[in-house]
Protein backbone atom coordinates (compact mmCIF):
# COMPACT_ATOMS: atom_id res chain seq x y z
CA UNK A 1 4.54 17.40 11.25
CA UNK A 2 0.53 15.74 11.00
CA UNK A 3 -0.22 12.59 12.83
CA UNK A 4 -3.55 10.60 11.40
CA UNK A 5 -5.02 7.63 13.62
CA UNK A 6 -6.93 6.45 16.08
CA UNK A 7 -3.59 6.22 18.69
CA UNK A 8 -5.76 2.59 19.87
CA UNK A 9 -2.86 -0.21 20.40
CA UNK A 10 -1.88 -1.86 22.95
CA UNK A 11 0.89 -0.33 25.20
CA UNK A 12 4.08 -1.89 24.33
CA UNK A 13 3.93 -1.21 21.71
CA UNK A 14 5.05 1.99 22.53
CA UNK A 15 7.05 2.14 25.31
CA UNK A 16 8.87 -1.05 24.24
CA UNK A 17 11.66 -2.74 21.71
CA UNK A 18 9.80 -4.49 19.49
CA UNK A 19 6.28 -4.03 20.04
CA UNK A 20 5.46 -2.98 16.92
CA UNK A 21 2.45 -5.94 16.18
CA UNK A 22 4.29 -5.84 12.35
CA UNK A 23 7.78 -6.26 12.98
CA UNK A 24 11.04 -6.36 15.41
CA UNK A 25 12.17 -2.53 16.33
CA UNK A 26 15.21 -2.92 18.62
CA UNK A 27 14.30 0.98 19.80
CA UNK A 28 10.66 1.99 21.32
CA UNK A 29 7.77 3.93 19.85
CA UNK A 30 8.17 6.69 22.16
CA UNK A 31 12.03 7.34 20.45
CA UNK A 32 11.11 7.62 18.07
CA UNK A 33 7.63 10.01 18.70
CA UNK A 34 10.80 12.11 20.61
CA UNK A 35 12.44 12.32 17.52
CA UNK A 36 9.77 13.99 15.47
CA UNK A 37 7.95 16.43 18.35
CA UNK A 38 12.23 17.55 18.96
CA UNK A 39 12.86 17.63 14.94
CA UNK A 40 9.40 19.57 14.03
CA UNK A 41 8.76 22.79 16.00
CA UNK A 42 4.64 21.52 15.68
CA UNK A 43 3.38 18.36 16.29
CA UNK A 44 -0.43 17.19 15.90
CA UNK A 45 -1.63 14.33 15.57
CA UNK A 46 -5.33 13.42 14.25
CA UNK A 47 -7.53 11.11 16.35
CA UNK A 48 -10.52 9.95 14.08
CA UNK A 49 -11.95 8.63 17.60
CA UNK A 50 -14.57 10.12 19.32
CA UNK A 51 -13.16 12.83 21.58
CA UNK A 52 -15.11 11.30 25.11
CA UNK A 53 -13.55 7.95 23.90
CA UNK A 54 -9.64 8.91 24.34
CA UNK A 55 -9.78 8.10 28.49
CA UNK A 56 -10.43 4.53 27.31
CA UNK A 57 -7.14 3.65 26.35
CA UNK A 58 -3.96 3.69 28.13
CA UNK A 59 -1.97 4.06 24.47
CA UNK A 60 -3.56 7.01 23.91
CA UNK A 61 -2.83 9.06 26.75
CA UNK A 62 0.54 8.15 25.92
CA UNK A 63 0.40 8.97 23.00
CA UNK A 64 -1.46 12.73 24.15
CA UNK A 65 1.34 13.05 26.60
CA UNK A 66 4.40 12.38 23.48
CA UNK A 67 2.24 15.40 21.06
CA UNK A 68 2.32 17.58 24.46
CA UNK A 69 -1.95 17.04 24.44
CA UNK A 70 -1.43 18.23 20.38
CA UNK A 71 -4.37 16.08 19.95
CA UNK A 72 -7.48 16.97 17.92
CA UNK A 73 -10.36 14.38 16.88
CA UNK A 74 -11.14 14.46 13.35
CA UNK A 75 -14.10 16.16 13.10
CA UNK A 76 -13.89 20.02 11.29
CA UNK A 77 -14.05 21.91 14.85
CA UNK A 78 -10.92 19.69 15.29
CA UNK A 79 -8.43 19.81 11.84
CA UNK A 80 -9.95 23.63 11.88
CA UNK A 81 -8.71 24.29 16.26
CA UNK A 82 -5.47 21.84 14.41
CA UNK A 83 -4.50 23.22 11.44
CA UNK A 84 -5.26 27.14 14.20
CA UNK A 85 -2.45 26.02 15.61
CA UNK A 86 0.23 24.63 13.40
CA UNK A 87 -0.17 27.65 11.52
CA UNK A 88 0.39 30.37 14.29
């Protein structure tokens, strides 16, 4: 499973039911992410923001934890590393 996104959002969008800015969801975002991680053997997150900016948002830390630190930058090397991990 490959997710692509910056992961920079309000932490409540991950941690709280109804946290989505678009619609009410009875379950928190992290519940859905846990389902993906349990369902698929390998999950990676491709982040278009430069790696050195990932520490600026709490939500990026939360997402990295949810995908078991399998977050890769959207660079040629990052894509190569992610695909290498997925193909093992």
